[in-house]
Every structure is written in C-alpha cells, then in structure tokens.
N, C-alpha and C. Protein backbone atom coordinates (compact mmCIF):
# COMPACT_ATOMS: atom_id res chain seq x y z
N MET A 1 136.06 40.89 97.56
CA MET A 1 136.95 40.26 96.60
C MET A 1 136.13 39.39 95.67
N ASN A 2 136.46 39.43 94.42
CA ASN A 2 135.72 38.68 93.42
C ASN A 2 136.50 37.42 93.03
N PHE A 3 135.89 36.27 93.27
CA PHE A 3 136.51 34.99 92.93
C PHE A 3 135.84 34.35 91.71
N GLU A 4 135.04 35.13 91.01
CA GLU A 4 134.33 34.62 89.83
C GLU A 4 135.30 34.16 88.74
N SER A 5 136.53 34.68 88.76
CA SER A 5 137.50 34.29 87.73
C SER A 5 137.99 32.85 87.91
N ILE A 6 137.72 32.27 89.08
CA ILE A 6 138.12 30.89 89.33
C ILE A 6 136.92 29.99 89.05
N ASN A 7 137.05 29.20 88.03
CA ASN A 7 135.99 28.27 87.65
C ASN A 7 136.38 26.88 88.15
N TYR A 8 135.63 26.36 89.10
CA TYR A 8 135.95 25.07 89.70
C TYR A 8 136.13 23.99 88.64
N SER A 9 135.30 23.98 87.63
CA SER A 9 135.36 22.91 86.62
C SER A 9 136.66 22.95 85.82
N ASP A 10 137.35 24.10 85.78
CA ASP A 10 138.65 24.17 85.11
C ASP A 10 139.70 23.33 85.84
N TYR A 11 139.50 23.09 87.12
CA TYR A 11 140.46 22.36 87.93
C TYR A 11 140.02 20.92 88.20
N GLU A 12 138.77 20.63 87.93
CA GLU A 12 138.21 19.33 88.26
C GLU A 12 138.82 18.23 87.38
N ILE A 13 139.22 17.15 88.01
CA ILE A 13 139.78 16.01 87.30
C ILE A 13 138.62 15.25 86.65
N LYS A 14 138.73 15.01 85.37
CA LYS A 14 137.63 14.38 84.62
C LYS A 14 137.73 12.86 84.58
N THR A 15 138.88 12.33 84.94
CA THR A 15 139.07 10.88 84.93
C THR A 15 138.13 10.22 85.93
N PRO A 16 137.39 9.19 85.51
CA PRO A 16 136.49 8.54 86.47
C PRO A 16 137.26 7.81 87.57
N TYR A 17 136.57 7.60 88.67
CA TYR A 17 137.17 6.85 89.78
C TYR A 17 137.16 5.36 89.42
N PRO A 18 138.24 4.66 89.73
CA PRO A 18 138.22 3.21 89.52
C PRO A 18 137.15 2.57 90.40
N LYS A 19 136.53 1.54 89.90
CA LYS A 19 135.54 0.80 90.70
C LYS A 19 136.26 -0.14 91.65
N LEU A 20 135.66 -0.30 92.82
CA LEU A 20 136.20 -1.26 93.78
C LEU A 20 135.77 -2.65 93.34
N THR A 21 136.73 -3.45 92.93
CA THR A 21 136.42 -4.80 92.42
C THR A 21 137.09 -5.89 93.24
N SER A 22 138.00 -5.52 94.10
CA SER A 22 138.76 -6.50 94.86
C SER A 22 138.39 -6.47 96.34
N THR A 23 138.24 -7.64 96.91
CA THR A 23 138.02 -7.74 98.35
C THR A 23 139.26 -8.34 99.03
N GLN A 24 140.37 -8.37 98.31
CA GLN A 24 141.63 -8.86 98.88
C GLN A 24 141.94 -8.06 100.13
N LYS A 25 142.15 -8.75 101.22
CA LYS A 25 142.44 -8.10 102.49
C LYS A 25 143.82 -7.46 102.47
N ASP A 26 143.89 -6.30 103.07
CA ASP A 26 145.14 -5.54 103.16
C ASP A 26 145.17 -4.91 104.55
N GLU A 27 145.26 -5.79 105.55
CA GLU A 27 145.07 -5.40 106.95
C GLU A 27 146.06 -4.34 107.43
N LYS A 28 147.24 -4.31 106.87
CA LYS A 28 148.28 -3.38 107.33
C LYS A 28 147.87 -1.91 107.13
N ILE A 29 147.01 -1.64 106.13
CA ILE A 29 146.65 -0.25 105.83
C ILE A 29 145.35 0.21 106.49
N ILE A 30 144.65 -0.70 107.14
CA ILE A 30 143.33 -0.36 107.71
C ILE A 30 143.39 0.81 108.70
N PRO A 31 144.32 0.84 109.65
CA PRO A 31 144.34 1.99 110.57
C PRO A 31 144.49 3.33 109.84
N ASN A 32 145.35 3.38 108.84
CA ASN A 32 145.52 4.62 108.08
C ASN A 32 144.29 4.95 107.25
N LEU A 33 143.64 3.93 106.69
CA LEU A 33 142.39 4.17 105.95
C LEU A 33 141.32 4.77 106.86
N ILE A 34 141.22 4.23 108.05
CA ILE A 34 140.25 4.75 109.01
C ILE A 34 140.57 6.20 109.35
N ASN A 35 141.85 6.49 109.54
CA ASN A 35 142.25 7.86 109.83
C ASN A 35 141.90 8.79 108.67
N SER A 36 142.13 8.34 107.44
CA SER A 36 141.79 9.16 106.27
C SER A 36 140.28 9.30 106.11
N TYR A 37 139.54 8.35 106.59
CA TYR A 37 138.08 8.36 106.50
C TYR A 37 137.48 9.33 107.52
N SER A 38 137.76 9.08 108.80
CA SER A 38 137.09 9.89 109.82
C SER A 38 137.99 10.28 110.99
N GLY A 39 139.27 10.31 110.74
CA GLY A 39 140.19 10.80 111.76
C GLY A 39 140.11 12.32 111.86
N ALA A 40 140.87 12.87 112.75
CA ALA A 40 140.84 14.32 113.00
C ALA A 40 141.12 15.13 111.73
N ASN A 41 141.92 14.59 110.82
CA ASN A 41 142.24 15.29 109.58
C ASN A 41 141.73 14.54 108.35
N GLY A 42 140.76 13.66 108.55
CA GLY A 42 140.25 12.84 107.46
C GLY A 42 139.22 13.54 106.59
N GLU A 43 138.63 12.76 105.72
CA GLU A 43 137.67 13.29 104.75
C GLU A 43 136.42 13.88 105.42
N LEU A 44 135.93 13.24 106.48
CA LEU A 44 134.76 13.78 107.17
C LEU A 44 135.05 15.18 107.72
N THR A 45 136.24 15.36 108.25
CA THR A 45 136.64 16.67 108.75
C THR A 45 136.76 17.67 107.60
N ALA A 46 137.36 17.24 106.49
CA ALA A 46 137.51 18.14 105.33
C ALA A 46 136.15 18.61 104.82
N ILE A 47 135.20 17.69 104.74
CA ILE A 47 133.84 18.04 104.28
C ILE A 47 133.26 19.14 105.15
N THR A 48 133.27 18.91 106.44
CA THR A 48 132.65 19.88 107.35
C THR A 48 133.46 21.17 107.44
N GLN A 49 134.79 21.06 107.32
CA GLN A 49 135.64 22.25 107.34
C GLN A 49 135.28 23.18 106.18
N TYR A 50 135.17 22.63 104.99
CA TYR A 50 134.90 23.45 103.81
C TYR A 50 133.46 23.98 103.80
N ILE A 51 132.53 23.22 104.32
CA ILE A 51 131.15 23.72 104.41
C ILE A 51 131.09 24.87 105.42
N TYR A 52 131.75 24.69 106.57
CA TYR A 52 131.82 25.77 107.55
C TYR A 52 132.39 27.04 106.91
N GLN A 53 133.48 26.89 106.19
CA GLN A 53 134.11 28.05 105.55
C GLN A 53 133.18 28.69 104.52
N SER A 54 132.43 27.87 103.80
CA SER A 54 131.49 28.43 102.81
C SER A 54 130.42 29.26 103.50
N PHE A 55 130.01 28.86 104.70
CA PHE A 55 129.03 29.64 105.47
C PHE A 55 129.64 30.97 105.93
N ILE A 56 130.91 30.91 106.34
CA ILE A 56 131.60 32.10 106.83
C ILE A 56 131.70 33.17 105.75
N VAL A 57 132.04 32.77 104.53
CA VAL A 57 132.30 33.77 103.48
C VAL A 57 131.03 34.24 102.78
N LYS A 58 129.97 33.47 102.84
CA LYS A 58 128.76 33.82 102.10
C LYS A 58 128.24 35.22 102.43
N PRO A 59 128.10 35.60 103.70
CA PRO A 59 127.56 36.93 103.98
C PRO A 59 128.51 38.10 103.69
N ILE A 60 129.81 37.83 103.59
CA ILE A 60 130.75 38.93 103.39
C ILE A 60 131.15 39.13 101.93
N GLU A 61 130.72 38.23 101.07
CA GLU A 61 131.08 38.34 99.66
C GLU A 61 130.06 39.18 98.90
N ASN A 62 130.55 39.91 97.92
CA ASN A 62 129.65 40.57 96.99
C ASN A 62 129.07 39.57 96.01
N ASP A 63 129.77 38.51 95.80
CA ASP A 63 129.29 37.42 94.96
C ASP A 63 129.48 36.13 95.75
N ILE A 64 128.99 35.04 95.22
CA ILE A 64 129.09 33.79 95.97
C ILE A 64 130.20 32.90 95.43
N GLY A 65 131.14 33.47 94.70
CA GLY A 65 132.19 32.68 94.06
C GLY A 65 132.97 31.79 95.00
N LEU A 66 133.53 32.34 96.06
CA LEU A 66 134.34 31.55 96.98
C LEU A 66 133.49 30.53 97.73
N SER A 67 132.31 30.93 98.14
CA SER A 67 131.42 30.01 98.84
C SER A 67 131.11 28.80 97.96
N LYS A 68 130.85 29.04 96.70
CA LYS A 68 130.51 27.95 95.76
C LYS A 68 131.72 27.05 95.52
N ILE A 69 132.91 27.62 95.41
CA ILE A 69 134.12 26.82 95.25
C ILE A 69 134.30 25.89 96.44
N LEU A 70 134.14 26.44 97.65
CA LEU A 70 134.28 25.63 98.86
C LEU A 70 133.23 24.52 98.92
N GLU A 71 132.02 24.83 98.51
CA GLU A 71 130.95 23.82 98.47
C GLU A 71 131.31 22.71 97.48
N ASN A 72 131.82 23.08 96.30
CA ASN A 72 132.19 22.08 95.29
C ASN A 72 133.32 21.18 95.78
N ILE A 73 134.29 21.76 96.45
CA ILE A 73 135.38 20.95 96.99
C ILE A 73 134.85 20.02 98.07
N SER A 74 133.94 20.52 98.89
CA SER A 74 133.33 19.68 99.92
C SER A 74 132.59 18.49 99.31
N ILE A 75 131.90 18.73 98.21
CA ILE A 75 131.18 17.65 97.53
C ILE A 75 132.17 16.60 97.01
N LYS A 76 133.30 17.05 96.50
CA LYS A 76 134.33 16.11 96.03
C LYS A 76 134.88 15.30 97.21
N GLU A 77 135.04 15.96 98.36
CA GLU A 77 135.50 15.25 99.55
C GLU A 77 134.46 14.21 100.00
N MET A 78 133.17 14.50 99.76
CA MET A 78 132.12 13.52 100.07
C MET A 78 132.30 12.27 99.22
N LYS A 79 132.69 12.45 97.98
CA LYS A 79 132.95 11.30 97.11
C LYS A 79 134.11 10.49 97.65
N HIS A 80 135.14 11.16 98.13
CA HIS A 80 136.28 10.45 98.73
C HIS A 80 135.83 9.66 99.95
N LEU A 81 134.98 10.28 100.78
CA LEU A 81 134.46 9.59 101.96
C LEU A 81 133.69 8.33 101.55
N GLU A 82 132.89 8.46 100.51
CA GLU A 82 132.14 7.29 100.01
C GLU A 82 133.08 6.19 99.53
N LEU A 83 134.10 6.56 98.76
CA LEU A 83 135.05 5.56 98.27
C LEU A 83 135.78 4.87 99.42
N LEU A 84 136.20 5.65 100.40
CA LEU A 84 136.88 5.06 101.55
C LEU A 84 135.95 4.15 102.34
N SER A 85 134.68 4.52 102.45
CA SER A 85 133.72 3.66 103.16
C SER A 85 133.58 2.32 102.44
N GLN A 86 133.55 2.35 101.12
CA GLN A 86 133.45 1.11 100.35
C GLN A 86 134.68 0.23 100.54
N ILE A 87 135.85 0.88 100.55
CA ILE A 87 137.09 0.12 100.79
C ILE A 87 137.07 -0.50 102.18
N LEU A 88 136.68 0.29 103.19
CA LEU A 88 136.63 -0.24 104.55
C LEU A 88 135.67 -1.42 104.66
N ILE A 89 134.50 -1.28 104.06
CA ILE A 89 133.53 -2.39 104.08
C ILE A 89 134.14 -3.63 103.43
N SER A 90 134.84 -3.44 102.31
CA SER A 90 135.46 -4.59 101.62
C SER A 90 136.53 -5.25 102.49
N GLN A 91 137.04 -4.49 103.46
CA GLN A 91 138.06 -5.02 104.37
C GLN A 91 137.45 -5.56 105.67
N GLY A 92 136.11 -5.58 105.73
CA GLY A 92 135.42 -6.11 106.90
C GLY A 92 135.29 -5.13 108.04
N ILE A 93 135.44 -3.85 107.75
CA ILE A 93 135.37 -2.81 108.78
C ILE A 93 134.07 -2.03 108.65
N ASN A 94 133.38 -1.82 109.76
CA ASN A 94 132.19 -0.99 109.79
C ASN A 94 132.65 0.47 109.70
N PRO A 95 132.26 1.19 108.65
CA PRO A 95 132.77 2.56 108.47
C PRO A 95 132.07 3.60 109.35
N LYS A 96 132.24 3.45 110.64
CA LYS A 96 131.66 4.40 111.59
C LYS A 96 132.41 5.73 111.49
N PHE A 97 131.73 6.79 111.88
CA PHE A 97 132.36 8.10 111.92
C PHE A 97 133.08 8.26 113.25
N CYS A 98 134.19 7.54 113.36
CA CYS A 98 134.96 7.56 114.60
C CYS A 98 136.36 7.07 114.32
N LYS A 99 137.18 7.18 115.33
CA LYS A 99 138.55 6.69 115.27
C LYS A 99 138.61 5.45 116.16
N TYR A 100 138.85 4.28 115.55
CA TYR A 100 138.94 3.06 116.33
C TYR A 100 140.15 3.13 117.25
N ILE A 101 139.95 2.70 118.50
CA ILE A 101 141.03 2.79 119.48
C ILE A 101 141.42 1.43 120.05
N ASP A 102 140.93 0.37 119.41
CA ASP A 102 141.38 -0.96 119.81
C ASP A 102 141.80 -1.73 118.56
N ASN A 103 142.62 -2.73 118.74
CA ASN A 103 143.16 -3.48 117.61
C ASN A 103 142.13 -4.34 116.90
N ASN A 104 141.00 -4.59 117.52
CA ASN A 104 139.97 -5.41 116.90
C ASN A 104 138.91 -4.57 116.19
N PHE A 105 139.08 -3.27 116.19
CA PHE A 105 138.16 -2.34 115.53
C PHE A 105 136.73 -2.45 116.06
N ASN A 106 136.64 -2.57 117.38
CA ASN A 106 135.33 -2.63 118.04
C ASN A 106 135.02 -1.37 118.83
N ILE A 107 136.03 -0.78 119.44
CA ILE A 107 135.85 0.39 120.30
C ILE A 107 136.39 1.61 119.57
N CYS A 108 135.59 2.66 119.55
CA CYS A 108 136.06 3.85 118.85
C CYS A 108 135.67 5.11 119.62
N SER A 109 136.45 6.15 119.37
CA SER A 109 136.11 7.46 119.92
C SER A 109 135.42 8.23 118.81
N SER A 110 134.33 8.88 119.15
CA SER A 110 133.50 9.54 118.15
C SER A 110 134.21 10.69 117.46
N TRP A 111 133.88 10.85 116.18
CA TRP A 111 134.35 12.02 115.45
C TRP A 111 133.78 13.25 116.15
N SER A 112 134.52 14.35 116.13
CA SER A 112 134.09 15.54 116.84
C SER A 112 134.22 16.79 115.97
N ALA A 113 133.29 17.70 116.15
CA ALA A 113 133.37 19.00 115.48
C ALA A 113 134.55 19.80 116.00
N ASN A 114 135.14 19.36 117.10
CA ASN A 114 136.36 20.01 117.60
C ASN A 114 137.55 19.76 116.67
N ASN A 115 137.39 18.84 115.72
CA ASN A 115 138.44 18.61 114.73
C ASN A 115 138.59 19.80 113.77
N LEU A 116 137.55 20.60 113.65
CA LEU A 116 137.58 21.73 112.73
C LEU A 116 138.45 22.85 113.27
N LYS A 117 139.00 23.62 112.36
CA LYS A 117 139.72 24.84 112.70
C LYS A 117 138.76 25.98 112.39
N TYR A 118 138.28 26.64 113.40
CA TYR A 118 137.27 27.69 113.24
C TYR A 118 137.94 29.03 112.94
N ILE A 119 138.65 29.06 111.84
CA ILE A 119 139.35 30.26 111.39
C ILE A 119 138.38 31.07 110.54
N THR A 120 138.24 32.35 110.83
CA THR A 120 137.31 33.18 110.07
C THR A 120 138.00 34.10 109.08
N ASP A 121 139.30 34.27 109.20
CA ASP A 121 140.05 35.09 108.25
C ASP A 121 140.28 34.26 106.98
N VAL A 122 139.79 34.76 105.85
CA VAL A 122 139.82 34.00 104.60
C VAL A 122 141.26 33.62 104.21
N LYS A 123 142.15 34.56 104.24
CA LYS A 123 143.54 34.27 103.86
C LYS A 123 144.12 33.17 104.74
N GLU A 124 143.86 33.24 106.04
CA GLU A 124 144.41 32.25 106.97
C GLU A 124 143.78 30.87 106.76
N PHE A 125 142.47 30.82 106.51
CA PHE A 125 141.91 29.48 106.33
C PHE A 125 142.26 28.89 104.98
N ILE A 126 142.52 29.70 103.98
CA ILE A 126 142.99 29.18 102.69
C ILE A 126 144.39 28.59 102.86
N LYS A 127 145.24 29.28 103.61
CA LYS A 127 146.58 28.74 103.90
C LYS A 127 146.46 27.41 104.65
N TYR A 128 145.55 27.37 105.62
CA TYR A 128 145.32 26.13 106.37
C TYR A 128 144.85 25.02 105.43
N ASN A 129 143.94 25.34 104.50
CA ASN A 129 143.42 24.33 103.58
C ASN A 129 144.52 23.73 102.72
N ILE A 130 145.43 24.56 102.25
CA ILE A 130 146.55 24.07 101.45
C ILE A 130 147.37 23.08 102.27
N LYS A 131 147.64 23.45 103.50
CA LYS A 131 148.40 22.57 104.41
C LYS A 131 147.65 21.25 104.65
N ALA A 132 146.34 21.33 104.84
CA ALA A 132 145.53 20.13 105.10
C ALA A 132 145.49 19.22 103.88
N GLU A 133 145.38 19.81 102.70
CA GLU A 133 145.36 18.99 101.48
C GLU A 133 146.70 18.30 101.27
N LYS A 134 147.80 19.01 101.55
CA LYS A 134 149.12 18.39 101.44
C LYS A 134 149.27 17.24 102.43
N SER A 135 148.72 17.43 103.62
CA SER A 135 148.75 16.39 104.64
C SER A 135 147.94 15.16 104.19
N ALA A 136 146.80 15.39 103.56
CA ALA A 136 145.98 14.29 103.05
C ALA A 136 146.74 13.51 101.99
N ILE A 137 147.42 14.22 101.10
CA ILE A 137 148.21 13.55 100.06
C ILE A 137 149.30 12.70 100.69
N LEU A 138 149.95 13.23 101.70
CA LEU A 138 151.00 12.48 102.40
C LEU A 138 150.43 11.21 103.03
N GLU A 139 149.26 11.34 103.66
CA GLU A 139 148.61 10.17 104.29
C GLU A 139 148.25 9.12 103.23
N TYR A 140 147.66 9.56 102.12
CA TYR A 140 147.32 8.61 101.05
C TYR A 140 148.56 7.97 100.45
N THR A 141 149.62 8.73 100.31
CA THR A 141 150.88 8.19 99.78
C THR A 141 151.45 7.13 100.72
N THR A 142 151.36 7.38 102.01
CA THR A 142 151.81 6.40 102.99
C THR A 142 151.00 5.11 102.87
N ILE A 143 149.69 5.24 102.73
CA ILE A 143 148.83 4.06 102.57
C ILE A 143 149.23 3.30 101.31
N ILE A 144 149.37 4.02 100.20
CA ILE A 144 149.74 3.38 98.93
C ILE A 144 151.07 2.64 99.05
N ASN A 145 152.04 3.26 99.70
CA ASN A 145 153.36 2.65 99.85
C ASN A 145 153.34 1.38 100.69
N ASN A 146 152.31 1.23 101.52
CA ASN A 146 152.20 0.04 102.37
C ASN A 146 151.15 -0.95 101.87
N ALA A 147 150.44 -0.60 100.83
CA ALA A 147 149.33 -1.43 100.34
C ALA A 147 149.83 -2.54 99.42
N THR A 148 149.08 -3.63 99.42
CA THR A 148 149.35 -4.72 98.48
C THR A 148 148.18 -4.91 97.50
N ASN A 149 147.03 -4.36 97.82
CA ASN A 149 145.84 -4.48 96.97
C ASN A 149 145.90 -3.42 95.88
N GLU A 150 146.15 -3.85 94.65
CA GLU A 150 146.33 -2.92 93.52
C GLU A 150 145.07 -2.10 93.26
N ASN A 151 143.91 -2.67 93.49
CA ASN A 151 142.65 -1.95 93.27
C ASN A 151 142.53 -0.77 94.23
N ILE A 152 142.88 -1.00 95.48
CA ILE A 152 142.86 0.08 96.48
C ILE A 152 143.88 1.14 96.10
N ILE A 153 145.05 0.73 95.66
CA ILE A 153 146.09 1.67 95.23
C ILE A 153 145.57 2.55 94.11
N GLU A 154 144.88 1.96 93.14
CA GLU A 154 144.32 2.73 92.02
C GLU A 154 143.33 3.80 92.50
N ILE A 155 142.46 3.40 93.40
CA ILE A 155 141.44 4.33 93.92
C ILE A 155 142.10 5.48 94.68
N LEU A 156 143.04 5.15 95.54
CA LEU A 156 143.70 6.18 96.34
C LEU A 156 144.56 7.11 95.47
N THR A 157 145.15 6.56 94.43
CA THR A 157 145.92 7.38 93.49
C THR A 157 145.01 8.40 92.81
N ARG A 158 143.80 7.97 92.47
CA ARG A 158 142.83 8.87 91.84
C ARG A 158 142.37 9.95 92.82
N ILE A 159 142.17 9.58 94.08
CA ILE A 159 141.80 10.56 95.11
C ILE A 159 142.91 11.61 95.25
N ILE A 160 144.16 11.18 95.22
CA ILE A 160 145.28 12.12 95.32
C ILE A 160 145.20 13.16 94.20
N GLN A 161 144.80 12.75 93.02
CA GLN A 161 144.67 13.71 91.91
C GLN A 161 143.70 14.83 92.27
N ASP A 162 142.59 14.47 92.91
CA ASP A 162 141.63 15.50 93.35
C ASP A 162 142.26 16.42 94.39
N GLU A 163 142.96 15.83 95.35
CA GLU A 163 143.56 16.64 96.41
C GLU A 163 144.59 17.61 95.81
N GLU A 164 145.32 17.16 94.80
CA GLU A 164 146.28 18.06 94.13
C GLU A 164 145.55 19.20 93.42
N SER A 165 144.41 18.88 92.82
CA SER A 165 143.65 19.95 92.15
C SER A 165 143.09 20.94 93.18
N HIS A 166 142.75 20.46 94.37
CA HIS A 166 142.28 21.36 95.43
C HIS A 166 143.40 22.31 95.85
N ILE A 167 144.62 21.81 95.92
CA ILE A 167 145.76 22.67 96.24
C ILE A 167 145.91 23.74 95.17
N GLU A 168 145.76 23.36 93.91
CA GLU A 168 145.84 24.35 92.82
C GLU A 168 144.79 25.44 92.97
N ILE A 169 143.57 25.04 93.28
CA ILE A 169 142.48 26.01 93.46
C ILE A 169 142.77 26.93 94.64
N PHE A 170 143.14 26.34 95.78
CA PHE A 170 143.41 27.15 96.96
C PHE A 170 144.62 28.08 96.74
N THR A 171 145.59 27.61 96.01
CA THR A 171 146.74 28.44 95.69
C THR A 171 146.33 29.63 94.82
N LYS A 172 145.46 29.40 93.85
CA LYS A 172 144.95 30.48 92.99
C LYS A 172 144.16 31.48 93.83
N ILE A 173 143.34 30.99 94.74
CA ILE A 173 142.57 31.88 95.63
C ILE A 173 143.52 32.73 96.47
N LEU A 174 144.55 32.09 97.03
CA LEU A 174 145.52 32.81 97.85
C LEU A 174 146.24 33.89 97.03
N GLU A 175 146.57 33.57 95.80
CA GLU A 175 147.21 34.57 94.91
C GLU A 175 146.30 35.78 94.71
N LEU A 176 145.02 35.53 94.49
CA LEU A 176 144.07 36.64 94.32
C LEU A 176 143.96 37.49 95.58
N ILE A 177 143.93 36.83 96.72
CA ILE A 177 143.84 37.55 98.00
C ILE A 177 145.08 38.41 98.20
N GLU A 178 146.24 37.84 97.96
CA GLU A 178 147.48 38.56 98.18
C GLU A 178 147.69 39.69 97.17
N LYS A 179 147.09 39.57 95.99
CA LYS A 179 147.20 40.60 94.98
C LYS A 179 146.31 41.81 95.31
N ASP A 180 145.24 41.52 96.03
CA ASP A 180 144.25 42.57 96.34
C ASP A 180 144.75 43.58 97.34
C-alpha cells in the first residue's frame, strides 16, 4: 500500500507552543498530568507505540511512507512529553518515567513496555491509534476543566490541537487501507 499521498506537514499544526511562564501551583491536576506524562496511556507510551509500529511496517512497505508518518507523530509526542515534564517540574514534581502511587509523589511504579499494544495488523493498529488519541484528548480536556493555571491550560489546549491532527492523519490512513 502506498501512503506517499499523505504528507505529514499538511496536517501539522504550525502554531507555536505557548511558553511555560507560570509556576502557580495547581495541585488538583498533578495526578492527571503524571498519567498523561508516563501513565499506561500517556505520552511516553504513545512515543514508543508509534516507533514500534514504524518498525513493524518498514519491512513490509514498498515505500517508507507509513513508517515515516509514524516516526513524525512519535517526534511530536516527544515534544508533548517535554512540555509535560516542564509543567511537572514547575509544580515541584520530579518527572520520572513512572506512575506515582502515593499521595506525596515519592513512590512510583515504573513505566513498562507492557503498556504497548503489540498489534501487527496495520488496519487494527491504526484503529487503536485513533482510539488512543481520542482518549488522550479526553484526558487533557479533563485536566483543563479542573485547572486554574491559565498558562498550563494554554499549553494543554495546544497539545490537543496536535492530537486532533493525529486523528485526522490516522483517519486518512484508515480510509486508504479500507479503499484498497
């Protein structure tokens, strides 16, 4: 299948990310931020999920179109991970790659590669990706609805724009697969 017709840059949001300028504490959203950072369905998982998928499709493609799209989305997810780490640091949290399991944010369970869905069927993992991106948007929306720090709200709103563009890309890929 040829995915060369999908140009990642056509979907990429060009608006710059807001800079983190506020250190105003917003303790109510910290657990959800941590989950979005390195929880089972967080940005760290998304990064590794898309890289894994890019490895899976590379040998079976006549071209590297889909592999490159997945790599580009993974790179964008890396930016989200960086932004979330900066927010966590501003909130006094060490941005470890784990899920904190105590109220004082001292004890955590390590992030695991078991968080990935090792789906090798392209159509099925694209469907899964759409679902995962929608879930990320829901999580960010929940954080925004509970946040009081306007600067954090701005950053998360911008991240949601990327996640929406990822859904558009994955939807286009799914349309091509189903048409074939």
